[in-house]
Amino acid sequence: MTTITTRTVEYPADNLTMIGHLALPAGTGRRPAVLIGPEGVGLSDVERRRADALAELGYVALAFDIHGGRYLADPEDMLARCMPLLSDPERMRGIGHAALDVLRAEPRADPDRTAAVGYGTGGAIALELGRDGVDLRAIGTVNALTTGRPGEAARIRCPVWAGVGSKDPIMPPAQRDAFAAEMEAAGIDWRLVVYGGAQHAFHHPSVDHIVRPGVGYHPRHAERAWRDVVALLAECLPVTD
């Protein structure tokens, strides 16, 4: 394990003060950089640990905030915040751009070598950055098979990897098909992995608060999905000295 450093970063977005988690690898030189977006409940130690793990692999990683420092444990609070957000591409892009600006302004980050990885709502934001034509080396999403406005997927400039649980009621087969059709029509280099028997948010360790039906942790597939994300980054955004 390499020595990493971390710090909290505050920045404005969506009329809120966002509180992100920045993780820096050992050394002093510039490194490729990765945005990490959280599930709809908001930024938690799960995403912070993922940023730290990527820093240990040599990436500059920013786990970004979507709720102004809040973690929405109540499902109704989460839906009240996330549903309007998910229906508004410009708001999602604004949140994504604000975080990306912070990441690219970090002196250790190579602004020309960045990727976006997101889970749930954070994954939808990563996809909207791509649909907005942002220069990314890769986009990775887990249980975020959202489709965009007609024709805008053609502006995605990098490979897209997506993972979803086969028993995810929020991302059912019809949603998978719509996502696949959008990627195909746009001529994207894309992949979709369906994890058998997994529900929504299967990657997220169990929590001590009420969750929506169809949400559940699947440790084996969580580990596999993480390996798939790391492999995507190794392919599209390799760390070099």
Protein backbone atom coordinates (compact mmCIF):
# COMPACT_ATOMS: atom_id res chain seq x y z
CA MET A 1 0.00 0.00 0.00
CA THR A 2 1.38 3.39 -0.98
CA THR A 3 1.15 6.49 1.18
CA ILE A 4 -1.70 8.76 0.12
CA THR A 5 -2.96 12.08 1.36
CA THR A 6 -6.57 13.20 1.59
CA ARG A 7 -8.41 16.42 2.23
CA THR A 8 -11.90 17.86 2.20
CA VAL A 9 -12.72 20.34 -0.56
CA GLU A 10 -15.63 22.77 -0.62
CA TYR A 11 -17.03 24.26 -3.81
CA PRO A 12 -20.33 25.74 -5.07
CA ALA A 13 -22.79 23.78 -7.22
CA ASP A 14 -26.58 23.57 -7.61
CA ASN A 15 -26.98 26.56 -5.25
CA LEU A 16 -25.30 24.56 -2.49
CA THR A 17 -21.87 24.30 -0.90
CA MET A 18 -20.63 20.89 -1.88
CA ILE A 19 -18.17 19.01 0.34
CA GLY A 20 -16.04 16.56 -1.61
CA HIS A 21 -13.24 14.18 -0.67
CA LEU A 22 -9.96 14.50 -2.57
CA ALA A 23 -7.37 11.70 -2.44
CA LEU A 24 -3.84 12.16 -3.78
CA PRO A 25 -1.33 9.43 -4.58
CA ALA A 26 2.21 9.31 -3.30
CA GLY A 27 4.81 11.38 -5.11
CA THR A 28 4.83 14.86 -6.57
CA GLY A 29 4.15 14.47 -10.28
CA ARG A 30 0.92 14.80 -12.19
CA ARG A 31 -1.28 11.74 -12.40
CA PRO A 32 -4.48 10.81 -14.25
CA ALA A 33 -7.59 11.88 -12.42
CA VAL A 34 -10.95 10.27 -11.65
CA LEU A 35 -14.28 11.68 -10.51
CA ILE A 36 -16.33 9.35 -8.30
CA GLY A 37 -20.06 10.03 -7.99
CA PRO A 38 -22.23 8.63 -5.18
CA GLU A 39 -25.59 6.91 -5.02
CA GLY A 40 -28.73 9.00 -4.54
CA VAL A 41 -28.34 9.00 -0.76
CA GLY A 42 -25.23 11.14 -1.16
CA LEU A 43 -21.53 11.06 -0.47
CA SER A 44 -20.51 8.62 2.24
CA ASP A 45 -17.44 6.80 3.50
CA VAL A 46 -18.07 4.17 0.81
CA GLU A 47 -17.14 6.61 -1.96
CA ARG A 48 -14.37 8.16 0.14
CA ARG A 49 -12.78 4.74 0.52
CA ARG A 50 -13.06 4.20 -3.23
CA ALA A 51 -11.27 7.48 -3.85
CA ASP A 52 -8.55 6.40 -1.42
CA ALA A 53 -8.24 3.03 -3.17
CA LEU A 54 -7.79 4.73 -6.53
CA ALA A 55 -5.17 7.05 -5.05
CA GLU A 56 -3.31 3.96 -3.86
CA LEU A 57 -3.31 2.83 -7.49
CA GLY A 58 -1.78 6.14 -8.56
CA TYR A 59 -4.82 8.24 -9.49
CA VAL A 60 -5.89 11.64 -8.22
CA ALA A 61 -9.47 10.94 -7.15
CA LEU A 62 -12.32 13.22 -6.14
CA ALA A 63 -15.41 11.70 -4.55
CA PHE A 64 -17.91 14.45 -5.28
CA ASP A 65 -20.94 15.64 -3.36
CA ILE A 66 -24.48 15.94 -4.73
CA HIS A 67 -26.49 17.19 -1.72
CA GLY A 68 -24.43 19.96 -0.13
CA GLY A 69 -22.88 17.80 2.57
CA ARG A 70 -26.09 15.94 3.41
CA TYR A 71 -26.57 12.18 3.49
CA LEU A 72 -30.25 11.41 2.80
CA ALA A 73 -30.94 8.28 4.81
CA ASP A 74 -34.72 8.65 4.54
CA PRO A 75 -35.85 7.19 1.18
CA GLU A 76 -38.56 9.83 0.80
CA ASP A 77 -36.07 12.65 1.34
CA MET A 78 -33.74 11.03 -1.16
CA LEU A 79 -36.45 10.68 -3.82
CA ALA A 80 -37.68 14.24 -3.26
CA ARG A 81 -34.18 15.51 -3.98
CA CYS A 82 -33.07 13.05 -6.67
CA MET A 83 -36.11 12.65 -8.91
CA PRO A 84 -36.22 16.32 -9.99
CA LEU A 85 -32.44 16.24 -10.37
CA LEU A 86 -32.50 13.14 -12.58
CA SER A 87 -35.11 14.75 -14.81
CA ASP A 88 -32.99 17.86 -15.34
CA PRO A 89 -29.86 17.20 -17.45
CA GLU A 90 -28.62 20.76 -17.06
CA ARG A 91 -28.64 20.53 -13.26
CA MET A 92 -26.79 17.21 -13.38
CA ARG A 93 -24.24 18.66 -15.76
CA GLY A 94 -23.79 21.68 -13.53
CA ILE A 95 -23.00 19.45 -10.54
CA GLY A 96 -20.64 17.37 -12.65
CA HIS A 97 -18.82 20.32 -14.18
CA ALA A 98 -18.32 21.97 -10.79
CA ALA A 99 -16.68 18.82 -9.42
CA LEU A 100 -14.63 18.33 -12.58
CA ASP A 101 -13.34 21.90 -12.36
CA VAL A 102 -12.14 21.23 -8.81
CA LEU A 103 -10.44 18.01 -9.86
CA ARG A 104 -8.73 19.51 -12.90
CA ALA A 105 -7.54 22.51 -10.89
CA GLU A 106 -5.66 20.24 -8.47
CA PRO A 107 -1.93 20.61 -9.31
CA ARG A 108 -1.34 16.86 -9.03
CA ALA A 109 -4.09 16.08 -11.56
CA ASP A 110 -3.46 15.87 -15.29
CA PRO A 111 -6.43 17.84 -16.67
CA ASP A 112 -6.09 16.16 -20.05
CA ARG A 113 -6.39 12.66 -18.59
CA THR A 114 -9.60 12.34 -16.62
CA ALA A 115 -12.38 9.79 -16.22
CA ALA A 116 -15.74 9.74 -14.46
CA VAL A 117 -17.09 6.81 -12.47
CA GLY A 118 -20.48 6.99 -10.79
CA TYR A 119 -23.03 4.95 -8.90
CA GLY A 120 -26.78 5.56 -9.23
CA THR A 121 -27.36 9.31 -9.38
CA GLY A 122 -23.62 9.89 -9.52
CA GLY A 123 -23.44 7.59 -12.52
CA ALA A 124 -26.21 9.53 -14.26
CA ILE A 125 -24.16 12.69 -13.71
CA ALA A 126 -21.08 11.02 -15.22
CA LEU A 127 -23.09 10.09 -18.30
CA GLU A 128 -24.44 13.61 -18.64
CA LEU A 129 -20.89 14.97 -18.64
CA GLY A 130 -20.24 12.67 -21.57
CA ARG A 131 -23.39 13.74 -23.37
CA ASP A 132 -22.27 17.33 -22.85
CA GLY A 133 -19.14 16.61 -24.87
CA VAL A 134 -16.64 16.73 -22.00
CA ASP A 135 -13.23 15.33 -22.90
CA LEU A 136 -13.07 12.20 -20.74
CA ARG A 137 -10.99 9.08 -21.25
CA ALA A 138 -13.64 6.74 -19.81
CA ILE A 139 -17.07 6.72 -18.19
CA GLY A 140 -18.02 3.95 -15.78
CA THR A 141 -21.43 3.54 -14.17
CA VAL A 142 -23.09 1.08 -11.83
CA ASN A 143 -26.92 0.84 -11.74
CA ALA A 144 -27.21 4.10 -13.69
CA LEU A 145 -28.58 3.07 -17.08
CA THR A 146 -30.11 6.46 -17.72
CA THR A 147 -30.85 7.64 -21.24
CA GLY A 148 -30.38 11.19 -22.41
CA ARG A 149 -31.97 13.63 -24.77
CA PRO A 150 -32.19 12.44 -28.38
CA GLY A 151 -28.93 12.59 -30.25
CA GLU A 152 -26.76 13.88 -27.40
CA ALA A 153 -25.05 10.54 -26.76
CA ALA A 154 -23.20 11.12 -30.04
CA ARG A 155 -21.18 13.74 -28.16
CA ILE A 156 -19.66 11.10 -25.85
CA ARG A 157 -15.97 10.93 -26.72
CA CYS A 158 -14.80 7.91 -24.77
CA PRO A 159 -15.63 4.27 -23.95
CA VAL A 160 -18.59 3.68 -21.65
CA TRP A 161 -18.80 0.76 -19.23
CA ALA A 162 -22.03 0.04 -17.35
CA GLY A 163 -22.90 -2.52 -14.71
CA VAL A 164 -26.35 -3.48 -13.42
CA GLY A 165 -27.93 -6.20 -11.31
CA SER A 166 -30.23 -8.65 -13.05
CA LYS A 167 -32.82 -8.19 -10.28
CA ASP A 168 -32.63 -4.39 -10.17
CA PRO A 169 -36.28 -3.21 -10.29
CA ILE A 170 -35.19 0.38 -10.90
CA MET A 171 -33.16 -0.60 -13.97
CA PRO A 172 -35.31 -3.39 -15.49
CA PRO A 173 -34.68 -5.08 -18.86
CA ALA A 174 -36.60 -2.39 -20.74
CA GLN A 175 -34.26 0.25 -19.32
CA ARG A 176 -31.22 -1.84 -20.23
CA ASP A 177 -32.54 -2.14 -23.79
CA ALA A 178 -33.14 1.61 -24.05
CA PHE A 179 -29.65 2.37 -22.80
CA ALA A 180 -28.12 -0.14 -25.21
CA ALA A 181 -30.10 1.31 -28.11
CA GLU A 182 -28.91 4.82 -27.27
CA MET A 183 -25.27 3.75 -27.13
CA GLU A 184 -25.56 1.73 -30.33
CA ALA A 185 -27.24 4.56 -32.24
CA ALA A 186 -24.47 6.94 -31.17
CA GLY A 187 -21.69 4.56 -32.21
CA ILE A 188 -20.18 4.49 -28.73
CA ASP A 189 -17.57 1.97 -27.62
CA TRP A 190 -19.74 0.57 -24.84
CA ARG A 191 -20.11 -2.46 -22.60
CA LEU A 192 -22.88 -3.60 -20.30
CA VAL A 193 -22.33 -6.20 -17.59
CA VAL A 194 -25.38 -7.78 -15.95
CA TYR A 195 -24.58 -9.28 -12.54
CA GLY A 196 -26.82 -12.27 -11.99
CA GLY A 197 -29.06 -12.16 -8.93
CA ALA A 198 -27.96 -8.66 -7.87
CA GLN A 199 -30.41 -5.91 -6.90
CA HIS A 200 -30.14 -2.13 -7.07
CA ALA A 201 -27.11 -0.68 -5.26
CA PHE A 202 -25.64 -4.19 -5.00
CA HIS A 203 -22.18 -2.61 -4.76
CA HIS A 204 -22.98 -0.66 -1.57
CA PRO A 205 -22.40 -2.37 1.79
CA SER A 206 -25.52 -2.79 3.91
CA VAL A 207 -26.65 0.27 5.84
CA ASP A 208 -28.43 0.67 9.17
CA HIS A 209 -31.37 2.68 7.83
CA ILE A 210 -34.46 1.87 5.78
CA VAL A 211 -33.89 1.31 2.08
CA ARG A 212 -36.29 1.01 -0.82
CA PRO A 213 -37.53 -2.45 -1.88
CA GLY A 214 -35.24 -4.02 -4.43
CA VAL A 215 -32.10 -2.55 -2.89
CA GLY A 216 -29.56 -4.97 -1.48
CA TYR A 217 -25.85 -5.66 -1.07
CA HIS A 218 -24.21 -8.49 -3.02
CA PRO A 219 -20.63 -8.85 -1.75
CA ARG A 220 -19.37 -11.11 -4.54
CA HIS A 221 -20.71 -8.94 -7.33
CA ALA A 222 -19.64 -5.77 -5.51
CA GLU A 223 -16.06 -7.02 -5.65
CA ARG A 224 -16.44 -8.01 -9.30
CA ALA A 225 -17.88 -4.63 -10.24
CA TRP A 226 -14.99 -2.86 -8.54
CA ARG A 227 -12.49 -4.99 -10.43
CA ASP A 228 -14.32 -4.15 -13.65
CA VAL A 229 -14.08 -0.42 -12.87
CA VAL A 230 -10.37 -0.70 -12.12
CA ALA A 231 -9.86 -2.66 -15.35
CA LEU A 232 -11.69 0.06 -17.32
CA LEU A 233 -9.37 2.69 -15.87
CA ALA A 234 -6.28 0.57 -16.49
CA GLU A 235 -7.29 0.20 -20.13
CA CYS A 236 -8.40 3.75 -20.87
CA LEU A 237 -6.49 5.80 -18.31
CA PRO A 238 -3.32 3.94 -17.36
CA VAL A 239 -1.05 5.31 -14.65
CA THR A 240 2.41 6.00 -16.02
CA ASP A 241 5.44 7.56 -14.36
